[in-house]
Amino acid sequence: MKKLVNAPRAVVQEMLEGLVALAPGQALLEGETVVVRSDVPAELGARKVAVLSGGGSGHEPAHAGYVGAGMLHAAVAGDVFTSPSTDAVLAAIRAVAGTAGALLIVKNYTGDRLNFGLAAELARAEGIPTEVVVVADDVALRDTVEPERRRGIAGVVLVHKIAGAAAEAGASLAEVAREASDAAAALGSMGVALGPCTVPAAGRPGFTLGKGEIELGLGIHGEQGVCRVELQPADALVDTLLSAIVEDRKVARGDRVALMVNGLGGTPPMELAIVTRRALVFLADRGVKVERAWQGTFLSALEMPGCSLTVLKVDGARLARLDASTQAPAWPGRGQVVPQRRVVPARGALPTVEGHPKPQPVMAQVRAAAMAVADAWDAAEARLTELDSKAGDGDLGLSLARGAAAIRALPERAWATPSAALTEMGQALRRNIGGSSGPFYATALLRAARSLANKPADALAWAKAFEAGVEAVSELGGAKPGDRTMVDALHPAATVLVRAVRDGKALREAWREATRAAELGAEATASMSPRLGRASYLGERAKGVPDAGAVAVVIWMKALDGVGG
């Protein structure tokens, strides 16, 4: 286990100290792991209904992140994934509640219900009006337990917002409790985990997953889900989650809803955005109007990779509560949804390359060679990704796979002449491959195309065009042989190719010799210290693995060697 902690027993206190240090509207309750609003009036009669929540830690930003005007008055934090004590909850009630009373919002777990419930009884005995609303929004358990026994998961955050806004508006305890209870009954959530999380005190993951396995319908405490299935594309998982929610909550065509896409702690914004995209399409296709939507990490499970989706039925009054202002630091603000996908036309597109002759019959051999390269790039995607991940950013395999698709999509006119074909391929790769690979390959192809223009495409012309392309790559990136880049494969290949053709060898034989030279050059990069690119940041640690860009050169050169004619 590797975590940025000092000692497992100190994580909660130290975490809360760090959170409160950056939240002017919050304070720590002395002697307790409780975060309270710093603006609570001293006079009990001046206090509005207090809204409290909490539970085990490890769900950050919940619950402390939602303490602030317009949401929670206090959040009670237990140890990681452990309910806080009754005394801690009672201390929080005493600190923030006045004669208007307090509402406790509790996720449906036995420990939380017992400790918050007992604290509520004790508070009532002290003369503090106290109500409890339990949130049980996990629809994954719909076929396993009765509705009132379902777990409380990320939907509790929306109940915090609605109840907090009602209290801030001056509603009575009965009114705040009713709005919170109605909201809890109108929402459904379900999650999926791609991996486990590790509780600091345990030091090991809560469960293990096989390669390619995921957990559907998990809780938020590192426990296993309802079922284990094979990894699926994001769209399929979103459809599974939302289908369960929509069916269970009886969300019908014409209904208005709020949507929350919640990361479980280890999911990057990129993946959450992909999930959001599909969730909005799924609901729109069923005639459900998404009035508000939020995407981010709102209630986590430590570092667990995965997400949960929450759907809440709304009307005008409930939307007003969701839109009401709050000073809670973790609330993302109004989740307005743009009603339609916005696409603006691109500007500055390049005109069709001039100077190409009108399309002639397709040059079958040139096109076959290009398709062979595309096939080789697709086949090598996983290998190149793995190599590039060891000493780079891991994007080379995907980048070249996109390049392969771009080559296949070229129109018939692209294959009119050798020069036209190289130009069109260069432009296609420039537009479709990001990172450094796109500019390098585009520059090489465009330079080679100019070298071939208005010349008979004999063996020497092809060899010199290849040499010109290699020189263009070196000029653009500044790489020289020995720098541990693709140039270490390209340069010896170009040298051998031109020499062999000048010695009278056939182009196929010369290409084979050049390919072998490239292969030796790529292998040699494994013992080189990188001087350029991301691998240079690793220094000597990059040794032992060949440069992925150089290996990619060998792959497409071998593919060309296999083309007949």
Protein backbone atom coordinates (compact mmCIF):
# COMPACT_ATOMS: atom_id res chain seq x y z
CA MET A 1 0.00 0.00 0.00
CA LYS A 2 1.29 3.44 -0.94
CA LYS A 3 -0.61 6.42 0.44
CA LEU A 4 0.27 9.99 1.38
CA VAL A 5 -0.49 9.58 5.08
CA ASN A 6 1.48 9.84 8.29
CA ALA A 7 -0.24 7.19 10.36
CA PRO A 8 -3.50 5.31 9.68
CA ARG A 9 -5.00 6.36 13.03
CA ALA A 10 -4.37 10.04 12.32
CA VAL A 11 -5.75 10.32 8.81
CA VAL A 12 -9.23 11.61 9.67
CA GLN A 13 -8.14 14.37 12.06
CA GLU A 14 -5.31 15.51 9.80
CA MET A 15 -7.55 15.42 6.73
CA LEU A 16 -10.20 17.58 8.42
CA GLU A 17 -7.56 20.05 9.55
CA GLY A 18 -6.37 20.40 5.97
CA LEU A 19 -9.89 20.82 4.58
CA VAL A 20 -10.96 23.43 7.12
CA ALA A 21 -7.73 25.38 6.67
CA LEU A 22 -8.88 26.31 3.17
CA ALA A 23 -12.59 26.84 3.92
CA PRO A 24 -13.27 30.22 5.57
CA GLY A 25 -16.88 29.28 6.29
CA GLN A 26 -15.95 26.19 8.30
CA ALA A 27 -14.50 25.34 11.68
CA LEU A 28 -13.54 22.19 13.57
CA LEU A 29 -15.53 21.37 16.69
CA GLU A 30 -13.02 21.16 19.54
CA GLY A 31 -12.26 17.63 20.63
CA GLU A 32 -14.33 16.04 17.85
CA THR A 33 -13.93 15.03 14.22
CA VAL A 34 -16.82 17.32 13.34
CA VAL A 35 -16.82 20.17 10.82
CA VAL A 36 -19.33 22.95 11.54
CA ARG A 37 -20.31 26.22 9.93
CA SER A 38 -18.32 29.08 11.38
CA ASP A 39 -21.26 31.51 11.15
CA VAL A 40 -23.73 29.73 13.47
CA PRO A 41 -25.43 32.40 15.64
CA ALA A 42 -24.64 32.22 19.35
CA GLU A 43 -28.27 32.82 20.29
CA LEU A 44 -30.25 29.57 20.02
CA GLY A 45 -33.42 31.36 19.04
CA ALA A 46 -31.72 33.01 16.07
CA ARG A 47 -30.69 29.71 14.53
CA LYS A 48 -32.59 28.25 11.57
CA VAL A 49 -33.21 24.52 11.23
CA ALA A 50 -29.81 22.82 11.34
CA VAL A 51 -29.08 20.18 8.70
CA LEU A 52 -26.44 17.59 9.65
CA SER A 53 -25.01 14.53 7.99
CA GLY A 54 -21.89 12.42 8.07
CA GLY A 55 -20.62 8.88 8.24
CA GLY A 56 -17.33 7.12 7.80
CA SER A 57 -14.47 9.01 6.19
CA GLY A 58 -13.04 8.05 2.81
CA HIS A 59 -15.95 9.54 0.83
CA GLU A 60 -14.44 12.99 0.31
CA PRO A 61 -15.50 15.57 -0.57
CA ALA A 62 -18.51 14.17 1.34
CA HIS A 63 -19.49 15.12 3.87
CA ALA A 64 -17.32 17.95 5.15
CA GLY A 65 -17.16 19.54 1.72
CA TYR A 66 -20.88 20.23 1.87
CA VAL A 67 -20.77 22.22 5.11
CA GLY A 68 -21.64 25.83 4.36
CA ALA A 69 -24.52 28.26 4.14
CA GLY A 70 -27.23 26.70 1.98
CA MET A 71 -26.25 23.09 2.63
CA LEU A 72 -25.07 21.38 5.82
CA HIS A 73 -24.56 23.00 9.19
CA ALA A 74 -22.31 20.17 10.36
CA ALA A 75 -20.67 16.98 9.11
CA VAL A 76 -19.64 14.23 11.51
CA ALA A 77 -16.68 12.13 10.37
CA GLY A 78 -15.96 8.64 11.61
CA ASP A 79 -12.85 6.60 10.93
CA VAL A 80 -12.43 5.43 7.35
CA PHE A 81 -15.60 3.56 6.33
CA THR A 82 -16.70 3.48 9.99
CA SER A 83 -19.74 5.21 11.44
CA PRO A 84 -19.00 8.06 13.84
CA SER A 85 -19.93 7.55 17.47
CA THR A 86 -23.24 8.59 19.01
CA ASP A 87 -21.40 11.10 21.21
CA ALA A 88 -19.78 12.76 18.19
CA VAL A 89 -23.16 13.12 16.47
CA LEU A 90 -24.74 14.49 19.62
CA ALA A 91 -21.90 16.99 20.04
CA ALA A 92 -22.51 18.19 16.50
CA ILE A 93 -26.24 18.62 17.14
CA ARG A 94 -25.57 20.62 20.29
CA ALA A 95 -23.07 22.82 18.44
CA VAL A 96 -25.33 23.93 15.59
CA ALA A 97 -28.97 23.32 16.51
CA GLY A 98 -31.23 25.85 18.21
CA THR A 99 -34.88 26.03 19.10
CA ALA A 100 -35.85 25.45 15.43
CA GLY A 101 -34.39 21.95 15.69
CA ALA A 102 -32.15 19.72 13.63
CA LEU A 103 -32.51 17.34 10.70
CA LEU A 104 -30.10 14.41 10.42
CA ILE A 105 -29.61 13.04 6.91
CA VAL A 106 -28.32 9.48 7.17
CA LYS A 107 -27.13 7.01 4.55
CA ASN A 108 -28.78 3.64 5.04
CA TYR A 109 -26.06 1.65 6.79
CA THR A 110 -26.59 -0.09 10.12
CA GLY A 111 -23.85 1.76 11.98
CA ASP A 112 -24.97 5.16 10.73
CA ARG A 113 -28.62 4.49 11.52
CA LEU A 114 -27.83 3.28 15.02
CA ASN A 115 -25.48 6.09 16.01
CA PHE A 116 -27.37 8.95 14.35
CA GLY A 117 -30.69 7.50 15.55
CA LEU A 118 -29.55 7.24 19.16
CA ALA A 119 -28.06 10.73 19.02
CA ALA A 120 -31.42 12.02 17.78
CA GLU A 121 -33.17 10.41 20.76
CA LEU A 122 -30.68 11.93 23.17
CA ALA A 123 -31.06 15.35 21.55
CA ARG A 124 -34.85 15.16 21.85
CA ALA A 125 -34.44 14.27 25.50
CA GLU A 126 -32.42 17.46 25.90
CA GLY A 127 -35.22 19.48 24.35
CA ILE A 128 -33.75 19.82 20.83
CA PRO A 129 -36.39 18.98 18.18
CA THR A 130 -34.69 16.43 15.94
CA GLU A 131 -35.80 14.47 12.88
CA VAL A 132 -34.00 11.82 10.85
CA VAL A 133 -34.26 11.17 7.09
CA VAL A 134 -32.65 7.99 5.78
CA VAL A 135 -31.40 7.87 2.19
CA ALA A 136 -31.52 4.43 0.52
CA ASP A 137 -30.96 5.18 -3.15
CA ASP A 138 -28.97 2.13 -4.37
CA VAL A 139 -31.20 0.47 -6.98
CA ALA A 140 -28.61 -2.28 -7.52
CA LEU A 141 -30.19 -4.05 -4.55
CA ARG A 142 -33.72 -3.96 -5.98
CA ASP A 143 -33.81 -7.74 -6.47
CA THR A 144 -31.95 -8.51 -3.24
CA VAL A 145 -33.57 -6.59 -0.37
CA GLU A 146 -36.68 -4.55 0.38
CA PRO A 147 -36.54 -0.86 -0.68
CA GLU A 148 -36.13 0.34 2.90
CA ARG A 149 -33.02 -1.84 3.32
CA ARG A 150 -31.13 -0.54 0.29
CA ARG A 151 -27.82 1.22 0.79
CA GLY A 152 -27.39 4.95 0.73
CA ILE A 153 -24.84 6.10 -1.85
CA ALA A 154 -24.09 9.25 -3.85
CA GLY A 155 -27.68 10.45 -4.14
CA VAL A 156 -27.43 11.67 -0.55
CA VAL A 157 -25.54 14.73 -1.83
CA LEU A 158 -28.63 15.97 -3.69
CA VAL A 159 -30.70 15.47 -0.54
CA HIS A 160 -28.14 17.59 1.33
CA LYS A 161 -28.63 20.36 -1.21
CA ILE A 162 -32.40 20.32 -1.16
CA ALA A 163 -32.70 20.16 2.62
CA GLY A 164 -30.01 22.79 3.12
CA ALA A 165 -31.69 25.20 0.73
CA ALA A 166 -35.04 24.68 2.43
CA ALA A 167 -33.53 25.36 5.86
CA GLU A 168 -31.70 28.44 4.58
CA ALA A 169 -35.01 29.74 3.22
CA GLY A 170 -36.50 29.59 6.71
CA ALA A 171 -38.63 26.46 6.38
CA SER A 172 -39.75 24.71 9.56
CA LEU A 173 -38.22 21.43 10.72
CA ALA A 174 -41.27 19.50 9.52
CA GLU A 175 -41.07 21.19 6.11
CA VAL A 176 -37.32 20.60 5.73
CA ALA A 177 -37.73 16.95 6.75
CA ARG A 178 -40.61 16.48 4.29
CA GLU A 179 -38.66 17.94 1.37
CA ALA A 180 -35.64 15.82 2.21
CA SER A 181 -37.74 12.67 2.57
CA ASP A 182 -39.59 13.30 -0.68
CA ALA A 183 -36.30 13.88 -2.51
CA ALA A 184 -34.83 10.69 -1.08
CA ALA A 185 -37.86 8.75 -2.33
CA ALA A 186 -37.58 10.29 -5.81
CA LEU A 187 -33.98 9.41 -6.57
CA GLY A 188 -32.11 6.29 -7.61
CA SER A 189 -28.41 5.54 -7.97
CA MET A 190 -26.20 2.69 -9.14
CA GLY A 191 -22.45 2.29 -9.44
CA VAL A 192 -19.75 0.27 -11.16
CA ALA A 193 -16.18 -0.31 -10.00
CA LEU A 194 -13.22 -1.12 -12.21
CA GLY A 195 -11.07 -1.99 -9.21
CA PRO A 196 -10.97 -2.01 -5.41
CA CYS A 197 -9.78 0.54 -2.90
CA THR A 198 -7.49 0.16 0.11
CA VAL A 199 -8.44 1.26 3.62
CA PRO A 200 -5.29 2.72 5.26
CA ALA A 201 -5.71 0.70 8.43
CA ALA A 202 -6.23 -2.56 6.48
CA GLY A 203 -3.31 -2.10 4.12
CA ARG A 204 -4.80 -4.29 1.40
CA PRO A 205 -7.60 -4.00 -1.18
CA GLY A 206 -11.12 -4.88 -0.09
CA PHE A 207 -11.50 -7.35 -2.96
CA THR A 208 -9.65 -8.52 -6.03
CA LEU A 209 -10.71 -8.51 -9.65
CA GLY A 210 -9.44 -10.66 -12.46
CA LYS A 211 -8.09 -9.13 -15.61
CA GLY A 212 -10.98 -7.69 -17.55
CA GLU A 213 -13.46 -8.00 -14.67
CA ILE A 214 -15.57 -5.26 -13.08
CA GLU A 215 -18.04 -5.04 -10.19
CA LEU A 216 -21.60 -3.90 -10.88
CA GLY A 217 -23.78 -2.44 -8.17
CA LEU A 218 -21.10 -1.88 -5.56
CA GLY A 219 -21.47 0.13 -2.37
CA ILE A 220 -19.17 2.93 -1.24
CA HIS A 221 -17.10 1.13 1.38
CA GLY A 222 -14.80 -1.00 -0.73
CA GLU A 223 -17.18 -3.96 -0.65
CA GLN A 224 -17.95 -6.13 -3.63
CA GLY A 225 -20.85 -5.38 -5.94
CA VAL A 226 -24.01 -7.26 -6.67
CA CYS A 227 -22.41 -9.13 -9.58
CA ARG A 228 -19.10 -9.45 -11.39
CA VAL A 229 -19.04 -9.10 -15.17
CA GLU A 230 -16.55 -8.66 -17.99
CA LEU A 231 -15.35 -5.13 -18.76
CA GLN A 232 -17.58 -3.45 -21.33
CA PRO A 233 -17.40 -0.21 -23.30
CA ALA A 234 -18.45 2.86 -21.34
CA ASP A 235 -21.67 3.29 -23.31
CA ALA A 236 -22.80 -0.25 -22.51
CA LEU A 237 -22.11 0.24 -18.80
CA VAL A 238 -24.00 3.53 -18.74
CA ASP A 239 -26.96 1.86 -20.43
CA THR A 240 -26.91 -0.92 -17.82
CA LEU A 241 -26.82 1.50 -14.90
CA LEU A 242 -29.46 3.87 -16.23
CA SER A 243 -31.76 1.08 -17.37
CA ALA A 244 -31.87 -0.21 -13.79
CA ILE A 245 -32.44 3.28 -12.35
CA VAL A 246 -35.13 4.27 -14.86
CA GLU A 247 -37.00 1.01 -14.42
CA ASP A 248 -36.83 1.03 -10.63
CA ARG A 249 -37.72 4.69 -10.19
CA LYS A 250 -40.36 4.51 -12.95
CA VAL A 251 -38.86 7.40 -14.88
CA ALA A 252 -41.12 7.85 -17.88
CA ARG A 253 -41.20 9.83 -21.12
CA GLY A 254 -41.83 13.48 -20.35
CA ASP A 255 -40.40 13.32 -16.83
CA ARG A 256 -38.01 16.04 -15.71
CA VAL A 257 -34.88 14.92 -13.88
CA ALA A 258 -31.54 15.97 -12.46
CA LEU A 259 -28.53 13.79 -13.29
CA MET A 260 -25.36 13.35 -11.25
CA VAL A 261 -22.33 11.56 -12.70
CA ASN A 262 -20.13 10.76 -9.73
CA GLY A 263 -16.54 9.53 -9.73
CA LEU A 264 -15.59 7.05 -7.03
CA GLY A 265 -12.18 8.58 -6.37
CA GLY A 266 -9.89 7.07 -9.00
CA THR A 267 -11.72 8.02 -12.19
CA PRO A 268 -10.25 10.85 -14.31
CA PRO A 269 -12.46 13.64 -15.67
CA MET A 270 -11.91 12.29 -19.19
CA GLU A 271 -13.75 9.07 -18.38
CA LEU A 272 -16.49 10.83 -16.43
CA ALA A 273 -17.11 13.08 -19.44
CA ILE A 274 -17.51 10.03 -21.68
CA VAL A 275 -20.01 8.62 -19.18
CA THR A 276 -21.88 11.95 -19.03
CA ARG A 277 -22.10 12.10 -22.81
CA ARG A 278 -23.80 8.71 -23.02
CA ALA A 279 -26.04 9.29 -20.01
CA LEU A 280 -27.48 12.46 -21.56
CA VAL A 281 -28.08 10.68 -24.87
CA PHE A 282 -29.68 7.67 -23.13
CA LEU A 283 -32.17 9.84 -21.26
CA ALA A 284 -32.91 12.10 -24.24
CA ASP A 285 -33.62 9.08 -26.44
CA ARG A 286 -36.31 8.03 -23.93
CA GLY A 287 -37.93 11.42 -23.86
CA VAL A 288 -36.65 12.28 -20.39
CA LYS A 289 -35.74 15.93 -19.96
CA VAL A 290 -32.52 16.48 -18.04
CA GLU A 291 -33.03 19.84 -16.35
CA ARG A 292 -29.76 19.85 -14.40
CA ALA A 293 -26.63 17.72 -14.55
CA TRP A 294 -23.35 17.59 -12.65
CA GLN A 295 -20.16 15.69 -13.37
CA GLY A 296 -17.31 15.19 -10.92
CA THR A 297 -16.36 13.43 -7.72
CA PHE A 298 -19.04 14.19 -5.13
CA LEU A 299 -18.97 11.09 -2.91
CA SER A 300 -16.00 8.78 -3.32
CA ALA A 301 -14.69 5.49 -2.00
CA LEU A 302 -11.04 6.44 -1.42
CA GLU A 303 -9.12 5.75 -4.65
CA MET A 304 -11.62 3.33 -6.21
CA PRO A 305 -11.81 3.56 -10.03
CA GLY A 306 -15.37 3.66 -11.24
CA CYS A 307 -18.48 5.80 -11.12
CA SER A 308 -22.08 5.97 -10.03
CA LEU A 309 -25.06 7.58 -11.71
CA THR A 310 -27.92 9.26 -9.86
CA VAL A 311 -31.25 10.32 -11.33
CA LEU A 312 -33.63 12.53 -9.32
CA LYS A 313 -37.12 13.44 -10.48
CA VAL A 314 -37.64 17.19 -10.25
CA ASP A 315 -40.31 19.84 -10.53
CA GLY A 316 -40.07 23.61 -10.35
CA ALA A 317 -39.88 23.73 -6.56
CA ARG A 318 -37.18 21.09 -6.33
CA LEU A 319 -35.17 22.78 -9.08
CA ALA A 320 -35.31 26.01 -7.11
CA ARG A 321 -33.74 24.23 -4.13
CA LEU A 322 -31.02 22.76 -6.33
CA ASP A 323 -30.33 26.16 -7.89
CA ALA A 324 -30.27 28.08 -4.61
CA SER A 325 -26.90 29.56 -3.71
CA THR A 326 -24.63 27.87 -1.20
CA GLN A 327 -21.21 28.52 0.30
CA ALA A 328 -20.38 24.81 0.64
CA PRO A 329 -16.93 24.47 -0.94
CA ALA A 330 -17.55 21.14 -2.70
CA TRP A 331 -20.88 21.99 -4.34
CA PRO A 332 -20.21 22.57 -8.05
CA GLY A 333 -22.89 25.18 -8.62
CA ARG A 334 -25.87 25.28 -10.93
CA GLY A 335 -25.80 22.26 -13.21
CA GLN A 336 -27.41 23.79 -16.27
CA VAL A 337 -27.68 21.45 -19.25
CA VAL A 338 -27.23 22.81 -22.76
CA PRO A 339 -30.37 21.65 -24.58
CA GLN A 340 -28.62 20.43 -27.67
CA ARG A 341 -25.20 19.42 -28.86
CA ARG A 342 -23.27 22.44 -30.04
CA VAL A 343 -20.91 22.12 -32.99
CA VAL A 344 -19.37 25.15 -34.64
CA PRO A 345 -17.80 24.96 -38.08
CA ALA A 346 -14.03 24.79 -38.19
CA ARG A 347 -12.25 27.78 -39.70
CA GLY A 348 -9.11 27.93 -41.72
CA ALA A 349 -9.42 24.52 -43.35
CA LEU A 350 -6.78 23.96 -45.99
CA PRO A 351 -7.99 23.94 -49.59
CA THR A 352 -7.48 20.90 -51.74
CA VAL A 353 -3.80 20.59 -52.59
CA GLU A 354 -3.15 22.19 -55.93
CA GLY A 355 -0.85 20.82 -58.58
CA HIS A 356 -2.12 17.24 -58.51
CA PRO A 357 -3.24 15.86 -61.83
CA LYS A 358 -6.84 14.81 -62.23
CA PRO A 359 -7.50 11.36 -60.80
CA GLN A 360 -6.06 8.62 -62.90
CA PRO A 361 -6.75 4.89 -62.52
CA VAL A 362 -5.84 3.82 -59.00
CA MET A 363 -2.22 2.87 -58.54
CA ALA A 364 -2.92 -0.55 -57.11
CA GLN A 365 0.58 -1.16 -55.80
CA VAL A 366 0.92 2.17 -53.99
CA ARG A 367 -2.49 1.82 -52.45
CA ALA A 368 -1.81 -1.78 -51.42
CA ALA A 369 1.40 -0.64 -49.74
CA ALA A 370 -0.46 2.05 -47.79
CA MET A 371 -3.13 -0.42 -46.70
CA ALA A 372 -0.44 -2.85 -45.57
CA VAL A 373 1.01 -0.13 -43.35
CA ALA A 374 -2.45 0.60 -41.94
CA ASP A 375 -3.01 -3.09 -41.18
CA ALA A 376 0.40 -3.34 -39.50
CA TRP A 377 -0.28 -0.31 -37.32
CA ASP A 378 -3.59 -1.76 -36.19
CA ALA A 379 -2.03 -5.13 -35.41
CA ALA A 380 0.78 -3.51 -33.42
CA GLU A 381 -1.40 -1.13 -31.38
CA ALA A 382 -1.17 -3.05 -28.09
CA ARG A 383 2.56 -3.71 -28.48
CA LEU A 384 3.37 -0.09 -29.25
CA THR A 385 1.17 1.16 -26.41
CA GLU A 386 3.01 -1.09 -23.96
CA LEU A 387 6.43 -0.02 -25.22
CA ASP A 388 5.53 3.66 -25.21
CA SER A 389 4.11 3.39 -21.68
CA LYS A 390 7.46 2.21 -20.35
CA ALA A 391 9.38 5.27 -21.45
CA GLY A 392 6.80 7.69 -22.80
CA ASP A 393 3.16 8.65 -22.44
CA GLY A 394 1.61 5.48 -23.86
CA ASP A 395 -0.21 7.15 -26.76
CA LEU A 396 1.74 5.83 -29.75
CA GLY A 397 -0.34 2.71 -30.37
CA LEU A 398 -3.63 4.61 -30.38
CA SER A 399 -2.15 7.45 -32.43
CA LEU A 400 -0.99 5.14 -35.21
CA ALA A 401 -4.27 3.22 -35.12
CA ARG A 402 -6.00 6.53 -35.81
CA GLY A 403 -3.51 7.09 -38.60
CA ALA A 404 -4.44 3.70 -40.05
CA ALA A 405 -8.11 4.67 -40.10
CA ALA A 406 -7.23 7.97 -41.79
CA ILE A 407 -5.30 6.17 -44.53
CA ARG A 408 -8.20 3.81 -45.20
CA ALA A 409 -10.59 6.75 -45.46
CA LEU A 410 -8.67 8.48 -48.27
CA PRO A 411 -10.72 9.07 -51.43
CA GLU A 412 -9.96 7.53 -54.81
CA ARG A 413 -8.35 10.75 -56.05
CA ALA A 414 -5.64 10.39 -53.42
CA TRP A 415 -4.07 7.54 -55.37
CA ALA A 416 -3.68 9.34 -58.69
CA THR A 417 0.13 9.59 -58.64
CA PRO A 418 2.91 8.67 -56.19
CA SER A 419 3.40 12.33 -55.24
CA ALA A 420 -0.34 12.87 -54.77
CA ALA A 421 -0.64 9.75 -52.65
CA LEU A 422 2.16 10.78 -50.31
CA THR A 423 0.74 14.31 -50.03
CA GLU A 424 -2.76 13.12 -49.22
CA MET A 425 -1.46 10.64 -46.66
CA GLY A 426 0.64 13.34 -45.05
CA GLN A 427 -2.34 15.68 -44.77
CA ALA A 428 -4.53 12.89 -43.40
CA LEU A 429 -2.02 11.94 -40.73
CA ARG A 430 -1.53 15.57 -39.80
CA ARG A 431 -5.25 15.95 -39.18
CA ASN A 432 -5.82 12.68 -37.36
CA ILE A 433 -2.73 11.90 -35.30
CA GLY A 434 -2.05 14.00 -32.24
CA GLY A 435 1.12 14.28 -30.20
CA SER A 436 4.46 14.21 -31.99
CA SER A 437 3.79 11.32 -34.36
CA GLY A 438 1.39 13.26 -36.55
CA PRO A 439 3.74 16.15 -37.34
CA PHE A 440 6.71 13.81 -37.88
CA TYR A 441 4.96 11.48 -40.31
CA ALA A 442 3.16 14.32 -42.06
CA THR A 443 6.39 16.27 -42.56
CA ALA A 444 8.22 13.19 -43.86
CA LEU A 445 5.48 12.34 -46.34
CA LEU A 446 5.08 15.91 -47.59
CA ARG A 447 8.84 16.30 -48.09
CA ALA A 448 9.01 12.93 -49.88
CA ALA A 449 6.06 13.94 -52.07
CA ARG A 450 7.87 17.08 -53.19
CA SER A 451 10.95 15.01 -53.92
CA LEU A 452 8.91 12.74 -56.20
CA ALA A 453 6.95 15.50 -57.92
CA ASN A 454 7.41 15.68 -61.70
CA LYS A 455 9.92 12.83 -61.68
CA PRO A 456 9.72 9.30 -63.01
CA ALA A 457 9.03 7.07 -60.01
CA ASP A 458 12.03 4.81 -60.50
CA ALA A 459 13.99 3.07 -57.74
CA LEU A 460 16.44 5.92 -57.21
CA ALA A 461 13.62 8.49 -57.07
CA TRP A 462 11.85 6.45 -54.36
CA ALA A 463 15.09 6.03 -52.42
CA LYS A 464 15.88 9.74 -52.58
CA ALA A 465 12.29 10.57 -51.56
CA PHE A 466 12.67 8.30 -48.53
CA GLU A 467 15.95 10.00 -47.69
CA ALA A 468 14.32 13.44 -48.02
CA GLY A 469 11.53 12.37 -45.66
CA VAL A 470 14.03 11.17 -43.06
CA GLU A 471 15.94 14.43 -43.26
CA ALA A 472 12.67 16.32 -42.72
CA VAL A 473 11.96 14.36 -39.52
CA SER A 474 15.43 15.08 -38.20
CA GLU A 475 15.15 18.78 -39.01
CA LEU A 476 11.70 19.13 -37.43
CA GLY A 477 12.52 17.43 -34.14
CA GLY A 478 16.23 18.15 -33.95
CA ALA A 479 17.04 14.46 -33.42
CA LYS A 480 20.28 12.86 -34.54
CA PRO A 481 21.36 9.22 -34.57
CA GLY A 482 22.11 8.19 -31.00
CA ASP A 483 19.41 10.34 -29.41
CA ARG A 484 17.12 7.30 -28.94
CA THR A 485 14.31 8.32 -31.28
CA MET A 486 12.71 7.07 -34.48
CA VAL A 487 15.66 8.65 -36.31
CA ASP A 488 17.84 5.81 -35.01
CA ALA A 489 15.84 3.47 -37.23
CA LEU A 490 15.15 5.87 -40.10
CA HIS A 491 18.67 7.23 -40.68
CA PRO A 492 20.48 3.92 -41.19
CA ALA A 493 17.59 2.69 -43.33
CA ALA A 494 17.82 5.72 -45.61
CA THR A 495 21.60 5.41 -45.91
CA VAL A 496 21.44 1.71 -46.80
CA LEU A 497 18.52 2.17 -49.21
CA VAL A 498 20.18 4.91 -51.29
CA ARG A 499 23.51 3.09 -51.37
CA ALA A 500 21.96 -0.23 -52.39
CA VAL A 501 19.94 1.34 -55.22
CA ARG A 502 22.99 3.19 -56.50
CA ASP A 503 24.86 -0.11 -56.46
CA GLY A 504 22.30 -1.42 -58.92
CA LYS A 505 20.18 -3.53 -56.63
CA ALA A 506 16.47 -3.87 -57.29
CA LEU A 507 14.22 -1.73 -55.11
CA ARG A 508 12.72 -4.76 -53.31
CA GLU A 509 16.17 -6.12 -52.42
CA ALA A 510 17.41 -2.67 -51.40
CA TRP A 511 14.30 -2.14 -49.24
CA ARG A 512 14.87 -5.45 -47.48
CA GLU A 513 18.42 -4.41 -46.60
CA ALA A 514 17.16 -1.02 -45.41
CA THR A 515 14.56 -2.72 -43.23
CA ARG A 516 17.23 -4.84 -41.60
CA ALA A 517 19.30 -1.71 -40.95
CA ALA A 518 16.27 -0.06 -39.35
CA GLU A 519 15.69 -3.13 -37.18
CA LEU A 520 19.26 -3.08 -35.91
CA GLY A 521 18.96 0.64 -35.24
CA ALA A 522 15.76 0.17 -33.26
CA GLU A 523 17.26 -2.62 -31.19
CA ALA A 524 20.25 -0.44 -30.38
CA THR A 525 18.01 2.20 -28.81
CA ALA A 526 17.45 -0.10 -25.82
CA SER A 527 20.97 0.67 -24.63
CA MET A 528 20.89 4.40 -25.38
CA SER A 529 20.25 7.25 -22.95
CA PRO A 530 17.37 9.35 -24.32
CA ARG A 531 18.17 12.96 -25.15
CA LEU A 532 14.85 14.09 -26.60
CA GLY A 533 11.15 13.56 -25.93
CA ARG A 534 9.43 12.40 -22.76
CA ALA A 535 11.83 9.48 -22.41
CA SER A 536 14.61 12.00 -21.73
CA TYR A 537 12.92 12.81 -18.40
CA LEU A 538 13.64 9.24 -17.26
CA GLY A 539 17.33 9.36 -18.05
CA GLU A 540 19.09 6.06 -17.40
CA ARG A 541 15.82 4.46 -16.25
CA ALA A 542 14.67 4.33 -19.88
CA LYS A 543 17.44 1.91 -20.78
CA GLY A 544 16.55 -1.71 -21.43
CA VAL A 545 13.49 -0.92 -23.53
CA PRO A 546 13.72 0.01 -27.22
CA ASP A 547 12.27 3.31 -28.35
CA ALA A 548 8.66 2.80 -29.38
CA GLY A 549 8.91 5.24 -32.28
CA ALA A 550 11.89 3.36 -33.73
CA VAL A 551 10.08 0.05 -33.34
CA ALA A 552 7.08 1.54 -35.16
CA VAL A 553 9.35 2.40 -38.10
CA VAL A 554 10.47 -1.23 -38.33
CA ILE A 555 6.87 -2.40 -38.23
CA TRP A 556 5.74 -0.36 -41.22
CA MET A 557 8.93 -0.99 -43.17
CA LYS A 558 8.41 -4.75 -42.78
CA ALA A 559 4.81 -4.30 -43.88
CA LEU A 560 5.97 -2.58 -47.08
CA ASP A 561 8.49 -5.35 -47.67
CA GLY A 562 5.63 -7.82 -47.76
CA VAL A 563 3.75 -6.05 -50.55
CA GLY A 564 4.07 -7.82 -53.88
CA GLY A 565 5.10 -6.20 -57.15
